[in-house]
Amino acid sequence: MKKQAGFTLVELVVVIAVLGILAATALPRFVNVQANARAASMNGLAASVRSAGNMARAAWIAGGQQGLTVAMDGTNVDVVAAVGYPAASATG
């Protein structure tokens, strides 16, 4: 008589039940990934804006803290005369 190899129906049902439980516990974690990705994207944007302001101020200090504009990548950026950070204007 040959020995048969394979899974019984009970074993398959148990495996499917375990996979269902794992999926039910892991799903809420992956649903929140989109909100975390958006928050990380906004944090990256805020950091790049701060970095650009700091580069404008560094250029203003390197230029002797004179003038109301700083040349950055061929574009003149308006700066606040007292502190050197970009002004709140269309060209700042």
PDB file of N, CA and C in Angstrom:
ATOM      1  N   MET A   1       0.829  -1.167   0.000  1.00  0.00           N
ATOM      2  CA  MET A   1       0.000   0.000   0.000  1.00  0.00           C
ATOM      3  C   MET A   1       0.887   1.249   0.000  1.00  0.00           C
ATOM      4  N   LYS A   2       0.540   2.204  -0.847  1.00  0.00           N
ATOM      5  CA  LYS A   2       1.306   3.451  -0.944  1.00  0.00           C
ATOM      6  C   LYS A   2       0.865   4.417   0.138  1.00  0.00           C
ATOM      7  N   LYS A   3       1.861   5.152   0.635  1.00  0.00           N
ATOM      8  CA  LYS A   3       1.536   6.182   1.623  1.00  0.00           C
ATOM      9  C   LYS A   3       1.180   7.462   0.870  1.00  0.00           C
ATOM     10  N   GLN A   4       0.026   8.022   1.147  1.00  0.00           N
ATOM     11  CA  GLN A   4      -0.416   9.228   0.447  1.00  0.00           C
ATOM     12  C   GLN A   4       0.154  10.464   1.148  1.00  0.00           C
ATOM     13  N   ALA A   5       0.538  11.443   0.346  1.00  0.00           N
ATOM     14  CA  ALA A   5       1.067  12.701   0.884  1.00  0.00           C
ATOM     15  C   ALA A   5       0.132  13.826   0.481  1.00  0.00           C
ATOM     16  N   GLY A   6      -0.012  14.819   1.339  1.00  0.00           N
ATOM     17  CA  GLY A   6      -0.873  15.953   1.040  1.00  0.00           C
ATOM     18  C   GLY A   6      -1.478  16.513   2.312  1.00  0.00           C
ATOM     19  N   PHE A   7      -2.326  17.490   2.149  1.00  0.00           N
ATOM     20  CA  PHE A   7      -2.952  18.155   3.283  1.00  0.00           C
ATOM     21  C   PHE A   7      -4.401  17.702   3.405  1.00  0.00           C
ATOM     22  N   THR A   8      -4.844  17.633   4.623  1.00  0.00           N
ATOM     23  CA  THR A   8      -6.254  17.315   4.833  1.00  0.00           C
ATOM     24  C   THR A   8      -7.068  18.598   4.753  1.00  0.00           C
ATOM     25  N   LEU A   9      -8.347  18.450   4.639  1.00  0.00           N
ATOM     26  CA  LEU A   9      -9.233  19.601   4.551  1.00  0.00           C
ATOM     27  C   LEU A   9      -9.179  20.432   5.837  1.00  0.00           C
ATOM     28  N   VAL A  10      -9.036  19.779   6.957  1.00  0.00           N
ATOM     29  CA  VAL A  10      -8.973  20.481   8.244  1.00  0.00           C
ATOM     30  C   VAL A  10      -7.717  21.348   8.308  1.00  0.00           C
ATOM     31  N   GLU A  11      -6.595  20.831   7.854  1.00  0.00           N
ATOM     32  CA  GLU A  11      -5.353  21.601   7.857  1.00  0.00           C
ATOM     33  C   GLU A  11      -5.473  22.834   6.965  1.00  0.00           C
ATOM     34  N   LEU A  12      -6.067  22.679   5.808  1.00  0.00           N
ATOM     35  CA  LEU A  12      -6.244  23.811   4.898  1.00  0.00           C
ATOM     36  C   LEU A  12      -7.160  24.872   5.502  1.00  0.00           C
ATOM     37  N   VAL A  13      -8.222  24.467   6.168  1.00  0.00           N
ATOM     38  CA  VAL A  13      -9.137  25.413   6.806  1.00  0.00           C
ATOM     39  C   VAL A  13      -8.424  26.162   7.929  1.00  0.00           C
ATOM     40  N   VAL A  14      -7.605  25.465   8.698  1.00  0.00           N
ATOM     41  CA  VAL A  14      -6.854  26.112   9.785  1.00  0.00           C
ATOM     42  C   VAL A  14      -5.883  27.149   9.219  1.00  0.00           C
ATOM     43  N   VAL A  15      -5.188  26.814   8.155  1.00  0.00           N
ATOM     44  CA  VAL A  15      -4.241  27.759   7.540  1.00  0.00           C
ATOM     45  C   VAL A  15      -4.980  28.986   7.013  1.00  0.00           C
ATOM     46  N   ILE A  16      -6.110  28.790   6.373  1.00  0.00           N
ATOM     47  CA  ILE A  16      -6.890  29.921   5.860  1.00  0.00           C
ATOM     48  C   ILE A  16      -7.390  30.792   7.009  1.00  0.00           C
ATOM     49  N   ALA A  17      -7.797  30.186   8.103  1.00  0.00           N
ATOM     50  CA  ALA A  17      -8.265  30.956   9.266  1.00  0.00           C
ATOM     51  C   ALA A  17      -7.129  31.768   9.878  1.00  0.00           C
ATOM     52  N   VAL A  18      -5.946  31.178   9.985  1.00  0.00           N
ATOM     53  CA  VAL A  18      -4.791  31.901  10.530  1.00  0.00           C
ATOM     54  C   VAL A  18      -4.421  33.062   9.618  1.00  0.00           C
ATOM     55  N   LEU A  19      -4.419  32.855   8.326  1.00  0.00           N
ATOM     56  CA  LEU A  19      -4.117  33.947   7.393  1.00  0.00           C
ATOM     57  C   LEU A  19      -5.159  35.061   7.483  1.00  0.00           C
ATOM     58  N   GLY A  20      -6.401  34.714   7.668  1.00  0.00           N
ATOM     59  CA  GLY A  20      -7.451  35.720   7.824  1.00  0.00           C
ATOM     60  C   GLY A  20      -7.258  36.546   9.085  1.00  0.00           C
ATOM     61  N   ILE A  21      -6.879  35.886  10.168  1.00  0.00           N
ATOM     62  CA  ILE A  21      -6.635  36.620  11.419  1.00  0.00           C
ATOM     63  C   ILE A  21      -5.439  37.559  11.266  1.00  0.00           C
ATOM     64  N   LEU A  22      -4.383  37.083  10.643  1.00  0.00           N
ATOM     65  CA  LEU A  22      -3.211  37.941  10.417  1.00  0.00           C
ATOM     66  C   LEU A  22      -3.556  39.140   9.536  1.00  0.00           C
ATOM     67  N   ALA A  23      -4.343  38.915   8.501  1.00  0.00           N
ATOM     68  CA  ALA A  23      -4.737  40.015   7.619  1.00  0.00           C
ATOM     69  C   ALA A  23      -5.609  41.028   8.357  1.00  0.00           C
ATOM     70  N   ALA A  24      -6.490  40.554   9.218  1.00  0.00           N
ATOM     71  CA  ALA A  24      -7.376  41.457   9.955  1.00  0.00           C
ATOM     72  C   ALA A  24      -6.604  42.313  10.951  1.00  0.00           C
ATOM     73  N   THR A  25      -5.518  41.791  11.510  1.00  0.00           N
ATOM     74  CA  THR A  25      -4.736  42.578  12.470  1.00  0.00           C
ATOM     75  C   THR A  25      -3.758  43.506  11.768  1.00  0.00           C
ATOM     76  N   ALA A  26      -3.276  43.143  10.598  1.00  0.00           N
ATOM     77  CA  ALA A  26      -2.298  43.961   9.891  1.00  0.00           C
ATOM     78  C   ALA A  26      -2.939  45.041   9.032  1.00  0.00           C
ATOM     79  N   LEU A  27      -4.163  44.870   8.612  1.00  0.00           N
ATOM     80  CA  LEU A  27      -4.818  45.817   7.706  1.00  0.00           C
ATOM     81  C   LEU A  27      -4.922  47.227   8.273  1.00  0.00           C
ATOM     82  N   PRO A  28      -5.317  47.437   9.517  1.00  0.00           N
ATOM     83  CA  PRO A  28      -5.400  48.810  10.021  1.00  0.00           C
ATOM     84  C   PRO A  28      -4.066  49.545  10.007  1.00  0.00           C
ATOM     85  N   ARG A  29      -2.981  48.826  10.171  1.00  0.00           N
ATOM     86  CA  ARG A  29      -1.668  49.486  10.120  1.00  0.00           C
ATOM     87  C   ARG A  29      -1.363  49.995   8.720  1.00  0.00           C
ATOM     88  N   PHE A  30      -1.718  49.234   7.700  1.00  0.00           N
ATOM     89  CA  PHE A  30      -1.416  49.633   6.334  1.00  0.00           C
ATOM     90  C   PHE A  30      -2.388  50.678   5.804  1.00  0.00           C
ATOM     91  N   VAL A  31      -3.553  50.792   6.374  1.00  0.00           N
ATOM     92  CA  VAL A  31      -4.514  51.806   5.955  1.00  0.00           C
ATOM     93  C   VAL A  31      -3.999  53.192   6.347  1.00  0.00           C
ATOM     94  N   ASN A  32      -3.322  53.282   7.481  1.00  0.00           N
ATOM     95  CA  ASN A  32      -2.828  54.564   7.982  1.00  0.00           C
ATOM     96  C   ASN A  32      -1.551  55.005   7.273  1.00  0.00           C
ATOM     97  N   VAL A  33      -1.006  54.203   6.397  1.00  0.00           N
ATOM     98  CA  VAL A  33       0.235  54.552   5.714  1.00  0.00           C
ATOM     99  C   VAL A  33       0.050  55.771   4.817  1.00  0.00           C
ATOM    100  N   GLN A  34      -1.107  55.926   4.192  1.00  0.00           N
ATOM    101  CA  GLN A  34      -1.341  57.054   3.291  1.00  0.00           C
ATOM    102  C   GLN A  34      -1.309  58.372   4.055  1.00  0.00           C
ATOM    103  N   ALA A  35      -1.904  58.432   5.223  1.00  0.00           N
ATOM    104  CA  ALA A  35      -1.871  59.661   6.015  1.00  0.00           C
ATOM    105  C   ALA A  35      -0.450  59.970   6.466  1.00  0.00           C
ATOM    106  N   ASN A  36       0.296  58.948   6.842  1.00  0.00           N
ATOM    107  CA  ASN A  36       1.691  59.158   7.241  1.00  0.00           C
ATOM    108  C   ASN A  36       2.527  59.643   6.062  1.00  0.00           C
ATOM    109  N   ALA A  37       2.258  59.139   4.876  1.00  0.00           N
ATOM    110  CA  ALA A  37       2.999  59.568   3.690  1.00  0.00           C
ATOM    111  C   ALA A  37       2.719  61.031   3.364  1.00  0.00           C
ATOM    112  N   ARG A  38       1.477  61.447   3.505  1.00  0.00           N
ATOM    113  CA  ARG A  38       1.151  62.858   3.251  1.00  0.00           C
ATOM    114  C   ARG A  38       1.814  63.764   4.278  1.00  0.00           C
ATOM    115  N   ALA A  39       1.809  63.363   5.543  1.00  0.00           N
ATOM    116  CA  ALA A  39       2.459  64.159   6.583  1.00  0.00           C
ATOM    117  C   ALA A  39       3.962  64.253   6.329  1.00  0.00           C
ATOM    118  N   ALA A  40       4.578  63.163   5.926  1.00  0.00           N
ATOM    119  CA  ALA A  40       6.007  63.175   5.629  1.00  0.00           C
ATOM    120  C   ALA A  40       6.309  64.064   4.430  1.00  0.00           C
ATOM    121  N   SER A  41       5.437  64.059   3.444  1.00  0.00           N
ATOM    122  CA  SER A  41       5.621  64.910   2.275  1.00  0.00           C
ATOM    123  C   SER A  41       5.558  66.390   2.655  1.00  0.00           C
ATOM    124  N   MET A  42       4.608  66.744   3.506  1.00  0.00           N
ATOM    125  CA  MET A  42       4.496  68.138   3.953  1.00  0.00           C
ATOM    126  C   MET A  42       5.685  68.540   4.830  1.00  0.00           C
ATOM    127  N   ASN A  43       6.168  67.619   5.655  1.00  0.00           N
ATOM    128  CA  ASN A  43       7.356  67.912   6.463  1.00  0.00           C
ATOM    129  C   ASN A  43       8.573  68.137   5.576  1.00  0.00           C
ATOM    130  N   GLY A  44       8.689  67.375   4.511  1.00  0.00           N
ATOM    131  CA  GLY A  44       9.781  67.572   3.562  1.00  0.00           C
ATOM    132  C   GLY A  44       9.692  68.911   2.849  1.00  0.00           C
ATOM    133  N   LEU A  45       8.477  69.315   2.478  1.00  0.00           N
ATOM    134  CA  LEU A  45       8.283  70.613   1.840  1.00  0.00           C
ATOM    135  C   LEU A  45       8.646  71.741   2.795  1.00  0.00           C
ATOM    136  N   ALA A  46       8.223  71.642   4.051  1.00  0.00           N
ATOM    137  CA  ALA A  46       8.541  72.669   5.037  1.00  0.00           C
ATOM    138  C   ALA A  46      10.048  72.774   5.255  1.00  0.00           C
ATOM    139  N   ALA A  47      10.729  71.638   5.285  1.00  0.00           N
ATOM    140  CA  ALA A  47      12.179  71.647   5.469  1.00  0.00           C
ATOM    141  C   ALA A  47      12.883  72.285   4.281  1.00  0.00           C
ATOM    142  N   SER A  48      12.389  72.050   3.071  1.00  0.00           N
ATOM    143  CA  SER A  48      13.025  72.653   1.902  1.00  0.00           C
ATOM    144  C   SER A  48      12.806  74.162   1.860  1.00  0.00           C
ATOM    145  N   VAL A  49      11.656  74.629   2.310  1.00  0.00           N
ATOM    146  CA  VAL A  49      11.406  76.069   2.359  1.00  0.00           C
ATOM    147  C   VAL A  49      12.315  76.721   3.399  1.00  0.00           C
ATOM    148  N   ARG A  50      12.462  76.082   4.572  1.00  0.00           N
ATOM    149  CA  ARG A  50      13.379  76.606   5.596  1.00  0.00           C
ATOM    150  C   ARG A  50      14.814  76.635   5.080  1.00  0.00           C
ATOM    151  N   SER A  51      15.205  75.594   4.372  1.00  0.00           N
ATOM    152  CA  SER A  51      16.557  75.516   3.821  1.00  0.00           C
ATOM    153  C   SER A  51      16.801  76.624   2.802  1.00  0.00           C
ATOM    154  N   ALA A  52      15.827  76.892   1.945  1.00  0.00           N
ATOM    155  CA  ALA A  52      15.973  77.967   0.961  1.00  0.00           C
ATOM    156  C   ALA A  52      16.096  79.321   1.652  1.00  0.00           C
ATOM    157  N   GLY A  53      15.331  79.543   2.712  1.00  0.00           N
ATOM    158  CA  GLY A  53      15.448  80.786   3.470  1.00  0.00           C
ATOM    159  C   GLY A  53      16.809  80.929   4.116  1.00  0.00           C
ATOM    160  N   ASN A  54      17.316  79.833   4.662  1.00  0.00           N
ATOM    161  CA  ASN A  54      18.642  79.874   5.280  1.00  0.00           C
ATOM    162  C   ASN A  54      19.741  80.109   4.249  1.00  0.00           C
ATOM    163  N   MET A  55      19.583  79.555   3.039  1.00  0.00           N
ATOM    164  CA  MET A  55      20.578  79.803   1.990  1.00  0.00           C
ATOM    165  C   MET A  55      20.540  81.259   1.546  1.00  0.00           C
ATOM    166  N   ALA A  56      19.346  81.847   1.474  1.00  0.00           N
ATOM    167  CA  ALA A  56      19.247  83.264   1.108  1.00  0.00           C
ATOM    168  C   ALA A  56      19.912  84.131   2.171  1.00  0.00           C
ATOM    169  N   ARG A  57      19.703  83.793   3.432  1.00  0.00           N
ATOM    170  CA  ARG A  57      20.325  84.558   4.516  1.00  0.00           C
ATOM    171  C   ARG A  57      21.834  84.389   4.494  1.00  0.00           C
ATOM    172  N   ALA A  58      22.322  83.190   4.228  1.00  0.00           N
ATOM    173  CA  ALA A  58      23.759  82.955   4.154  1.00  0.00           C
ATOM    174  C   ALA A  58      24.383  83.755   3.008  1.00  0.00           C
ATOM    175  N   ALA A  59      23.691  83.820   1.881  1.00  0.00           N
ATOM    176  CA  ALA A  59      24.197  84.626   0.762  1.00  0.00           C
ATOM    177  C   ALA A  59      24.197  86.105   1.125  1.00  0.00           C
ATOM    178  N   TRP A  60      23.184  86.552   1.868  1.00  0.00           N
ATOM    179  CA  TRP A  60      23.115  87.951   2.295  1.00  0.00           C
ATOM    180  C   TRP A  60      24.253  88.280   3.257  1.00  0.00           C
ATOM    181  N   ILE A  61      24.555  87.367   4.183  1.00  0.00           N
ATOM    182  CA  ILE A  61      25.658  87.585   5.126  1.00  0.00           C
ATOM    183  C   ILE A  61      26.996  87.543   4.392  1.00  0.00           C
ATOM    184  N   ALA A  62      27.163  86.600   3.463  1.00  0.00           N
ATOM    185  CA  ALA A  62      28.407  86.498   2.701  1.00  0.00           C
ATOM    186  C   ALA A  62      28.625  87.714   1.819  1.00  0.00           C
ATOM    187  N   GLY A  63      27.533  88.353   1.411  1.00  0.00           N
ATOM    188  CA  GLY A  63      27.640  89.553   0.581  1.00  0.00           C
ATOM    189  C   GLY A  63      27.858  90.819   1.387  1.00  0.00           C
ATOM    190  N   GLY A  64      28.114  90.704   2.652  1.00  0.00           N
ATOM    191  CA  GLY A  64      28.405  91.870   3.480  1.00  0.00           C
ATOM    192  C   GLY A  64      27.169  92.492   4.112  1.00  0.00           C
ATOM    193  N   GLN A  65      26.061  91.818   4.144  1.00  0.00           N
ATOM    194  CA  GLN A  65      24.818  92.291   4.751  1.00  0.00           C
ATOM    195  C   GLN A  65      24.375  93.635   4.176  1.00  0.00           C
ATOM    196  N   GLN A  66      24.543  93.780   2.883  1.00  0.00           N
ATOM    197  CA  GLN A  66      24.147  95.021   2.228  1.00  0.00           C
ATOM    198  C   GLN A  66      23.114  94.712   1.154  1.00  0.00           C
ATOM    199  N   GLY A  67      22.264  95.660   0.908  1.00  0.00           N
ATOM    200  CA  GLY A  67      21.280  95.550  -0.159  1.00  0.00           C
ATOM    201  C   GLY A  67      20.012  94.847   0.276  1.00  0.00           C
ATOM    202  N   LEU A  68      19.017  94.986  -0.580  1.00  0.00           N
ATOM    203  CA  LEU A  68      17.721  94.379  -0.307  1.00  0.00           C
ATOM    204  C   LEU A  68      17.438  93.198  -1.208  1.00  0.00           C
ATOM    205  N   THR A  69      18.415  92.811  -2.031  1.00  0.00           N
ATOM    206  CA  THR A  69      18.249  91.639  -2.892  1.00  0.00           C
ATOM    207  C   THR A  69      19.487  90.756  -2.803  1.00  0.00           C
ATOM    208  N   VAL A  70      19.267  89.473  -3.045  1.00  0.00           N
ATOM    209  CA  VAL A  70      20.350  88.492  -3.075  1.00  0.00           C
ATOM    210  C   VAL A  70      20.177  87.693  -4.352  1.00  0.00           C
ATOM    211  N   ALA A  71      21.266  87.482  -5.079  1.00  0.00           N
ATOM    212  CA  ALA A  71      21.201  86.689  -6.308  1.00  0.00           C
ATOM    213  C   ALA A  71      21.331  85.216  -5.953  1.00  0.00           C
ATOM    214  N   MET A  72      20.293  84.435  -6.306  1.00  0.00           N
ATOM    215  CA  MET A  72      20.305  82.987  -6.076  1.00  0.00           C
ATOM    216  C   MET A  72      19.920  82.286  -7.360  1.00  0.00           C
ATOM    217  N   ASP A  73      20.839  81.512  -7.912  1.00  0.00           N
ATOM    218  CA  ASP A  73      20.610  80.774  -9.163  1.00  0.00           C
ATOM    219  C   ASP A  73      20.146  81.693 -10.288  1.00  0.00           C
ATOM    220  N   GLY A  74      20.725  82.856 -10.367  1.00  0.00           N
ATOM    221  CA  GLY A  74      20.401  83.783 -11.430  1.00  0.00           C
ATOM    222  C   GLY A  74      19.117  84.567 -11.220  1.00  0.00           C
ATOM    223  N   THR A  75      18.501  84.434 -10.070  1.00  0.00           N
ATOM    224  CA  THR A  75      17.267  85.141  -9.761  1.00  0.00           C
ATOM    225  C   THR A  75      17.509  86.028  -8.550  1.00  0.00           C
ATOM    226  N   ASN A  76      17.054  87.269  -8.631  1.00  0.00           N
ATOM    227  CA  ASN A  76      17.178  88.167  -7.490  1.00  0.00           C
ATOM    228  C   ASN A  76      16.033  87.921  -6.515  1.00  0.00           C
ATOM    229  N   VAL A  77      16.398  87.709  -5.253  1.00  0.00           N
ATOM    230  CA  VAL A  77      15.436  87.433  -4.202  1.00  0.00           C
ATOM    231  C   VAL A  77      15.427  88.615  -3.246  1.00  0.00           C
ATOM    232  N   ASP A  78      14.239  89.186  -3.001  1.00  0.00           N
ATOM    233  CA  ASP A  78      14.122  90.279  -2.039  1.00  0.00           C
ATOM    234  C   ASP A  78      14.296  89.739  -0.630  1.00  0.00           C
ATOM    235  N   VAL A  79      15.082  90.479   0.176  1.00  0.00           N
ATOM    236  CA  VAL A  79      15.290  90.077   1.563  1.00  0.00           C
ATOM    237  C   VAL A  79      14.893  91.221   2.486  1.00  0.00           C
ATOM    238  N   VAL A  80      14.587  90.880   3.729  1.00  0.00           N
ATOM    239  CA  VAL A  80      14.289  91.878   4.747  1.00  0.00           C
ATOM    240  C   VAL A  80      15.632  92.454   5.196  1.00  0.00           C
ATOM    241  N   ALA A  81      15.764  93.773   5.185  1.00  0.00           N
ATOM    242  CA  ALA A  81      17.059  94.415   5.426  1.00  0.00           C
ATOM    243  C   ALA A  81      17.616  94.117   6.818  1.00  0.00           C
ATOM    244  N   ALA A  82      16.783  93.965   7.824  1.00  0.00           N
ATOM    245  CA  ALA A  82      17.277  93.812   9.188  1.00  0.00           C
ATOM    246  C   ALA A  82      17.800  92.401   9.470  1.00  0.00           C
ATOM    247  N   VAL A  83      17.233  91.383   8.843  1.00  0.00           N
ATOM    248  CA  VAL A  83      17.613  90.014   9.193  1.00  0.00           C
ATOM    249  C   VAL A  83      18.165  89.204   8.031  1.00  0.00           C
ATOM    250  N   GLY A  84      17.863  89.565   6.805  1.00  0.00           N
ATOM    251  CA  GLY A  84      18.393  88.877   5.646  1.00  0.00           C
ATOM    252  C   GLY A  84      17.607  87.699   5.140  1.00  0.00           C
ATOM    253  N   TYR A  85      16.483  87.400   5.762  1.00  0.00           N
ATOM    254  CA  TYR A  85      15.639  86.304   5.268  1.00  0.00           C
ATOM    255  C   TYR A  85      14.778  86.819   4.127  1.00  0.00           C
ATOM    256  N   PRO A  86      14.313  85.945   3.244  1.00  0.00           N
ATOM    257  CA  PRO A  86      13.470  86.388   2.123  1.00  0.00           C
ATOM    258  C   PRO A  86      12.226  87.125   2.604  1.00  0.00           C
ATOM    259  N   ALA A  87      11.873  88.153   1.846  1.00  0.00           N
ATOM    260  CA  ALA A  87      10.704  88.966   2.188  1.00  0.00           C
ATOM    261  C   ALA A  87       9.424  88.252   1.761  1.00  0.00           C
ATOM    262  N   ALA A  88       8.343  88.632   2.357  1.00  0.00           N
ATOM    263  CA  ALA A  88       7.033  88.073   2.011  1.00  0.00           C
ATOM    264  C   ALA A  88       6.487  88.827   0.809  1.00  0.00           C
ATOM    265  N   SER A  89       7.073  88.590  -0.352  1.00  0.00           N
ATOM    266  CA  SER A  89       6.639  89.243  -1.571  1.00  0.00           C
ATOM    267  C   SER A  89       6.715  88.228  -2.711  1.00  0.00           C
ATOM    268  N   ALA A  90       6.316  88.641  -3.890  1.00  0.00           N
ATOM    269  CA  ALA A  90       6.323  87.732  -5.031  1.00  0.00           C
ATOM    270  C   ALA A  90       7.748  87.328  -5.426  1.00  0.00           C
ATOM    271  N   THR A  91       8.697  88.197  -5.175  1.00  0.00           N
ATOM    272  CA  THR A  91      10.088  87.893  -5.533  1.00  0.00           C
ATOM    273  C   THR A  91      10.931  87.573  -4.312  1.00  0.00           C
ATOM    274  N   GLY A  92      10.299  87.340  -3.166  1.00  0.00           N
ATOM    275  CA  GLY A  92      11.050  87.044  -1.941  1.00  0.00           C
ATOM    276  C   GLY A  92      11.119  85.609  -1.627  1.00  0.00           C
TER     277      GLY A  92
END
